[in-house]
Amino acid sequence: MTFAEWLYRYLFGEEMAGWDSAAVYPGPVWLEYPPAGPGQHTREAYGPERGM
C-alpha cells in the first residue's frame, strides 16, 4: 500500500495504525494559517464537506 492510500484511508476513518486509531472529525476541513509576519493576523480557510 502506498503512503497516499494509507493517508486517505486513515483520514476517512479506517483504523490504519492499530486498534481504535481512527481519526474521524465531522464537518468541513478547517485550516488555520499562522501569521506571516509581525502585526498580521491568523488566517482561516474552510474546505468542502468530507462527504460522510
PDB file of N, CA and C in Angstrom:
ATOM      1  N   MET A   1       0.855  -1.161   0.000  1.00  0.00           N
ATOM      2  CA  MET A   1       0.000   0.000   0.000  1.00  0.00           C
ATOM      3  C   MET A   1       0.911   1.235   0.000  1.00  0.00           C
ATOM      4  N   THR A   2       0.573   2.196  -0.826  1.00  0.00           N
ATOM      5  CA  THR A   2       1.358   3.428  -0.882  1.00  0.00           C
ATOM      6  C   THR A   2       1.000   4.326   0.295  1.00  0.00           C
ATOM      7  N   PHE A   3       1.852   5.305   0.570  1.00  0.00           N
ATOM      8  CA  PHE A   3       1.580   6.234   1.657  1.00  0.00           C
ATOM      9  C   PHE A   3       0.317   7.025   1.382  1.00  0.00           C
ATOM     10  N   ALA A   4       0.108   7.417   0.137  1.00  0.00           N
ATOM     11  CA  ALA A   4      -1.090   8.190  -0.209  1.00  0.00           C
ATOM     12  C   ALA A   4      -2.356   7.392   0.097  1.00  0.00           C
ATOM     13  N   GLU A   5      -2.365   6.113  -0.230  1.00  0.00           N
ATOM     14  CA  GLU A   5      -3.531   5.281   0.064  1.00  0.00           C
ATOM     15  C   GLU A   5      -3.720   5.127   1.573  1.00  0.00           C
ATOM     16  N   TRP A   6      -2.635   4.931   2.303  1.00  0.00           N
ATOM     17  CA  TRP A   6      -2.712   4.812   3.753  1.00  0.00           C
ATOM     18  C   TRP A   6      -3.286   6.087   4.375  1.00  0.00           C
ATOM     19  N   LEU A   7      -2.785   7.239   3.945  1.00  0.00           N
ATOM     20  CA  LEU A   7      -3.260   8.510   4.474  1.00  0.00           C
ATOM     21  C   LEU A   7      -4.731   8.726   4.156  1.00  0.00           C
ATOM     22  N   TYR A   8      -5.133   8.416   2.941  1.00  0.00           N
ATOM     23  CA  TYR A   8      -6.536   8.544   2.539  1.00  0.00           C
ATOM     24  C   TYR A   8      -7.432   7.707   3.443  1.00  0.00           C
ATOM     25  N   ARG A   9      -7.069   6.462   3.640  1.00  0.00           N
ATOM     26  CA  ARG A   9      -7.885   5.575   4.484  1.00  0.00           C
ATOM     27  C   ARG A   9      -7.897   6.036   5.937  1.00  0.00           C
ATOM     28  N   TYR A  10      -6.755   6.498   6.429  1.00  0.00           N
ATOM     29  CA  TYR A  10      -6.666   6.974   7.813  1.00  0.00           C
ATOM     30  C   TYR A  10      -7.555   8.191   8.027  1.00  0.00           C
ATOM     31  N   LEU A  11      -7.536   9.137   7.107  1.00  0.00           N
ATOM     32  CA  LEU A  11      -8.327  10.347   7.248  1.00  0.00           C
ATOM     33  C   LEU A  11      -9.815  10.111   7.057  1.00  0.00           C
ATOM     34  N   PHE A  12     -10.193   9.040   6.378  1.00  0.00           N
ATOM     35  CA  PHE A  12     -11.611   8.726   6.209  1.00  0.00           C
ATOM     36  C   PHE A  12     -12.126   7.775   7.275  1.00  0.00           C
ATOM     37  N   GLY A  13     -11.318   7.525   8.298  1.00  0.00           N
ATOM     38  CA  GLY A  13     -11.827   6.828   9.466  1.00  0.00           C
ATOM     39  C   GLY A  13     -11.515   5.355   9.585  1.00  0.00           C
ATOM     40  N   GLU A  14     -10.725   4.803   8.696  1.00  0.00           N
ATOM     41  CA  GLU A  14     -10.354   3.405   8.860  1.00  0.00           C
ATOM     42  C   GLU A  14      -9.244   3.302   9.897  1.00  0.00           C
ATOM     43  N   GLU A  15      -9.201   2.225  10.623  1.00  0.00           N
ATOM     44  CA  GLU A  15      -8.179   2.026  11.641  1.00  0.00           C
ATOM     45  C   GLU A  15      -6.912   1.484  10.983  1.00  0.00           C
ATOM     46  N   MET A  16      -6.013   2.380  10.662  1.00  0.00           N
ATOM     47  CA  MET A  16      -4.813   2.018   9.911  1.00  0.00           C
ATOM     48  C   MET A  16      -3.557   1.975  10.776  1.00  0.00           C
ATOM     49  N   ALA A  17      -3.632   2.424  12.017  1.00  0.00           N
ATOM     50  CA  ALA A  17      -2.439   2.469  12.863  1.00  0.00           C
ATOM     51  C   ALA A  17      -2.653   1.698  14.158  1.00  0.00           C
ATOM     52  N   GLY A  18      -3.516   0.701  14.120  1.00  0.00           N
ATOM     53  CA  GLY A  18      -3.785  -0.076  15.315  1.00  0.00           C
ATOM     54  C   GLY A  18      -5.220   0.099  15.784  1.00  0.00           C
ATOM     55  N   TRP A  19      -5.552  -0.634  16.820  1.00  0.00           N
ATOM     56  CA  TRP A  19      -6.914  -0.627  17.344  1.00  0.00           C
ATOM     57  C   TRP A  19      -7.267   0.751  17.873  1.00  0.00           C
ATOM     58  N   ASP A  20      -8.464   1.223  17.543  1.00  0.00           N
ATOM     59  CA  ASP A  20      -9.000   2.497  17.998  1.00  0.00           C
ATOM     60  C   ASP A  20      -8.125   3.684  17.580  1.00  0.00           C
ATOM     61  N   SER A  21      -7.647   3.651  16.344  1.00  0.00           N
ATOM     62  CA  SER A  21      -6.765   4.718  15.862  1.00  0.00           C
ATOM     63  C   SER A  21      -7.416   5.583  14.790  1.00  0.00           C
ATOM     64  N   ALA A  22      -8.696   5.422  14.560  1.00  0.00           N
ATOM     65  CA  ALA A  22      -9.370   6.166  13.507  1.00  0.00           C
ATOM     66  C   ALA A  22      -9.419   7.653  13.855  1.00  0.00           C
ATOM     67  N   ALA A  23      -9.252   8.488  12.852  1.00  0.00           N
ATOM     68  CA  ALA A  23      -9.286   9.950  13.049  1.00  0.00           C
ATOM     69  C   ALA A  23     -10.428  10.518  12.228  1.00  0.00           C
ATOM     70  N   VAL A  24     -11.639  10.449  12.766  1.00  0.00           N
ATOM     71  CA  VAL A  24     -12.804  10.941  12.048  1.00  0.00           C
ATOM     72  C   VAL A  24     -13.329  12.177  12.764  1.00  0.00           C
ATOM     73  N   TYR A  25     -13.356  13.286  12.059  1.00  0.00           N
ATOM     74  CA  TYR A  25     -13.884  14.519  12.595  1.00  0.00           C
ATOM     75  C   TYR A  25     -14.969  15.003  11.650  1.00  0.00           C
ATOM     76  N   PRO A  26     -16.214  15.094  12.103  1.00  0.00           N
ATOM     77  CA  PRO A  26     -17.289  15.513  11.209  1.00  0.00           C
ATOM     78  C   PRO A  26     -17.149  16.985  10.824  1.00  0.00           C
ATOM     79  N   GLY A  27     -17.758  17.317   9.724  1.00  0.00           N
ATOM     80  CA  GLY A  27     -17.764  18.708   9.281  1.00  0.00           C
ATOM     81  C   GLY A  27     -16.704  18.981   8.228  1.00  0.00           C
ATOM     82  N   PRO A  28     -16.641  20.227   7.788  1.00  0.00           N
ATOM     83  CA  PRO A  28     -15.692  20.576   6.738  1.00  0.00           C
ATOM     84  C   PRO A  28     -14.256  20.628   7.271  1.00  0.00           C
ATOM     85  N   VAL A  29     -13.330  20.548   6.362  1.00  0.00           N
ATOM     86  CA  VAL A  29     -11.921  20.671   6.701  1.00  0.00           C
ATOM     87  C   VAL A  29     -11.656  22.123   7.085  1.00  0.00           C
ATOM     88  N   TRP A  30     -10.929  22.332   8.195  1.00  0.00           N
ATOM     89  CA  TRP A  30     -10.637  23.679   8.665  1.00  0.00           C
ATOM     90  C   TRP A  30      -9.126  23.841   8.750  1.00  0.00           C
ATOM     91  N   LEU A  31      -8.605  24.830   8.064  1.00  0.00           N
ATOM     92  CA  LEU A  31      -7.170  25.120   8.071  1.00  0.00           C
ATOM     93  C   LEU A  31      -6.935  26.459   8.750  1.00  0.00           C
ATOM     94  N   GLU A  32      -5.897  26.531   9.540  1.00  0.00           N
ATOM     95  CA  GLU A  32      -5.535  27.779  10.201  1.00  0.00           C
ATOM     96  C   GLU A  32      -4.087  28.094   9.841  1.00  0.00           C
ATOM     97  N   TYR A  33      -3.888  29.202   9.159  1.00  0.00           N
ATOM     98  CA  TYR A  33      -2.556  29.618   8.743  1.00  0.00           C
ATOM     99  C   TYR A  33      -1.989  30.591   9.774  1.00  0.00           C
ATOM    100  N   PRO A  34      -0.784  30.364  10.261  1.00  0.00           N
ATOM    101  CA  PRO A  34      -0.202  31.285  11.234  1.00  0.00           C
ATOM    102  C   PRO A  34       0.149  32.618  10.574  1.00  0.00           C
ATOM    103  N   PRO A  35       0.357  33.649  11.370  1.00  0.00           N
ATOM    104  CA  PRO A  35       0.718  34.951  10.809  1.00  0.00           C
ATOM    105  C   PRO A  35       2.027  34.862  10.016  1.00  0.00           C
ATOM    106  N   ALA A  36       2.077  35.552   8.887  1.00  0.00           N
ATOM    107  CA  ALA A  36       3.268  35.526   8.041  1.00  0.00           C
ATOM    108  C   ALA A  36       4.344  36.476   8.556  1.00  0.00           C
ATOM    109  N   GLY A  37       3.972  37.396   9.390  1.00  0.00           N
ATOM    110  CA  GLY A  37       4.938  38.345   9.913  1.00  0.00           C
ATOM    111  C   GLY A  37       4.360  39.113  11.078  1.00  0.00           C
ATOM    112  N   PRO A  38       5.165  39.983  11.660  1.00  0.00           N
ATOM    113  CA  PRO A  38       4.682  40.767  12.794  1.00  0.00           C
ATOM    114  C   PRO A  38       3.520  41.675  12.398  1.00  0.00           C
ATOM    115  N   GLY A  39       2.534  41.773  13.258  1.00  0.00           N
ATOM    116  CA  GLY A  39       1.394  42.642  13.010  1.00  0.00           C
ATOM    117  C   GLY A  39       0.329  42.064  12.102  1.00  0.00           C
ATOM    118  N   GLN A  40       0.503  40.851  11.625  1.00  0.00           N
ATOM    119  CA  GLN A  40      -0.501  40.218  10.766  1.00  0.00           C
ATOM    120  C   GLN A  40      -1.355  39.259  11.590  1.00  0.00           C
ATOM    121  N   HIS A  41      -2.549  38.979  11.098  1.00  0.00           N
ATOM    122  CA  HIS A  41      -3.496  38.126  11.810  1.00  0.00           C
ATOM    123  C   HIS A  41      -3.437  36.692  11.293  1.00  0.00           C
ATOM    124  N   THR A  42      -3.949  35.785  12.111  1.00  0.00           N
ATOM    125  CA  THR A  42      -4.095  34.394  11.697  1.00  0.00           C
ATOM    126  C   THR A  42      -5.201  34.318  10.650  1.00  0.00           C
ATOM    127  N   ARG A  43      -4.979  33.522   9.615  1.00  0.00           N
ATOM    128  CA  ARG A  43      -5.952  33.380   8.533  1.00  0.00           C
ATOM    129  C   ARG A  43      -6.585  32.003   8.623  1.00  0.00           C
ATOM    130  N   GLU A  44      -7.898  31.940   8.466  1.00  0.00           N
ATOM    131  CA  GLU A  44      -8.634  30.680   8.492  1.00  0.00           C
ATOM    132  C   GLU A  44      -9.229  30.395   7.127  1.00  0.00           C
ATOM    133  N   ALA A  45      -9.246  29.118   6.761  1.00  0.00           N
ATOM    134  CA  ALA A  45      -9.841  28.692   5.493  1.00  0.00           C
ATOM    135  C   ALA A  45     -10.648  27.427   5.749  1.00  0.00           C
ATOM    136  N   TYR A  46     -11.791  27.319   5.115  1.00  0.00           N
ATOM    137  CA  TYR A  46     -12.656  26.144   5.244  1.00  0.00           C
ATOM    138  C   TYR A  46     -12.765  25.437   3.905  1.00  0.00           C
ATOM    139  N   GLY A  47     -12.631  24.136   3.937  1.00  0.00           N
ATOM    140  CA  GLY A  47     -12.733  23.352   2.726  1.00  0.00           C
ATOM    141  C   GLY A  47     -14.122  22.759   2.576  1.00  0.00           C
ATOM    142  N   PRO A  48     -14.270  21.851   1.613  1.00  0.00           N
ATOM    143  CA  PRO A  48     -15.583  21.232   1.388  1.00  0.00           C
ATOM    144  C   PRO A  48     -15.924  20.221   2.483  1.00  0.00           C
ATOM    145  N   GLU A  49     -17.167  19.844   2.538  1.00  0.00           N
ATOM    146  CA  GLU A  49     -17.590  18.790   3.459  1.00  0.00           C
ATOM    147  C   GLU A  49     -16.833  17.505   3.130  1.00  0.00           C
ATOM    148  N   ARG A  50     -16.680  16.647   4.096  1.00  0.00           N
ATOM    149  CA  ARG A  50     -15.913  15.416   3.898  1.00  0.00           C
ATOM    150  C   ARG A  50     -16.707  14.299   3.238  1.00  0.00           C
ATOM    151  N   GLY A  51     -17.974  14.515   3.005  1.00  0.00           N
ATOM    152  CA  GLY A  51     -18.762  13.520   2.289  1.00  0.00           C
ATOM    153  C   GLY A  51     -19.147  12.323   3.128  1.00  0.00           C
ATOM    154  N   MET A  52     -19.302  12.499   4.417  1.00  0.00           N
ATOM    155  CA  MET A  52     -19.659  11.380   5.286  1.00  0.00           C
ATOM    156  C   MET A  52     -21.118  11.407   5.601  1.00  0.00           C
TER     157      MET A  52
END
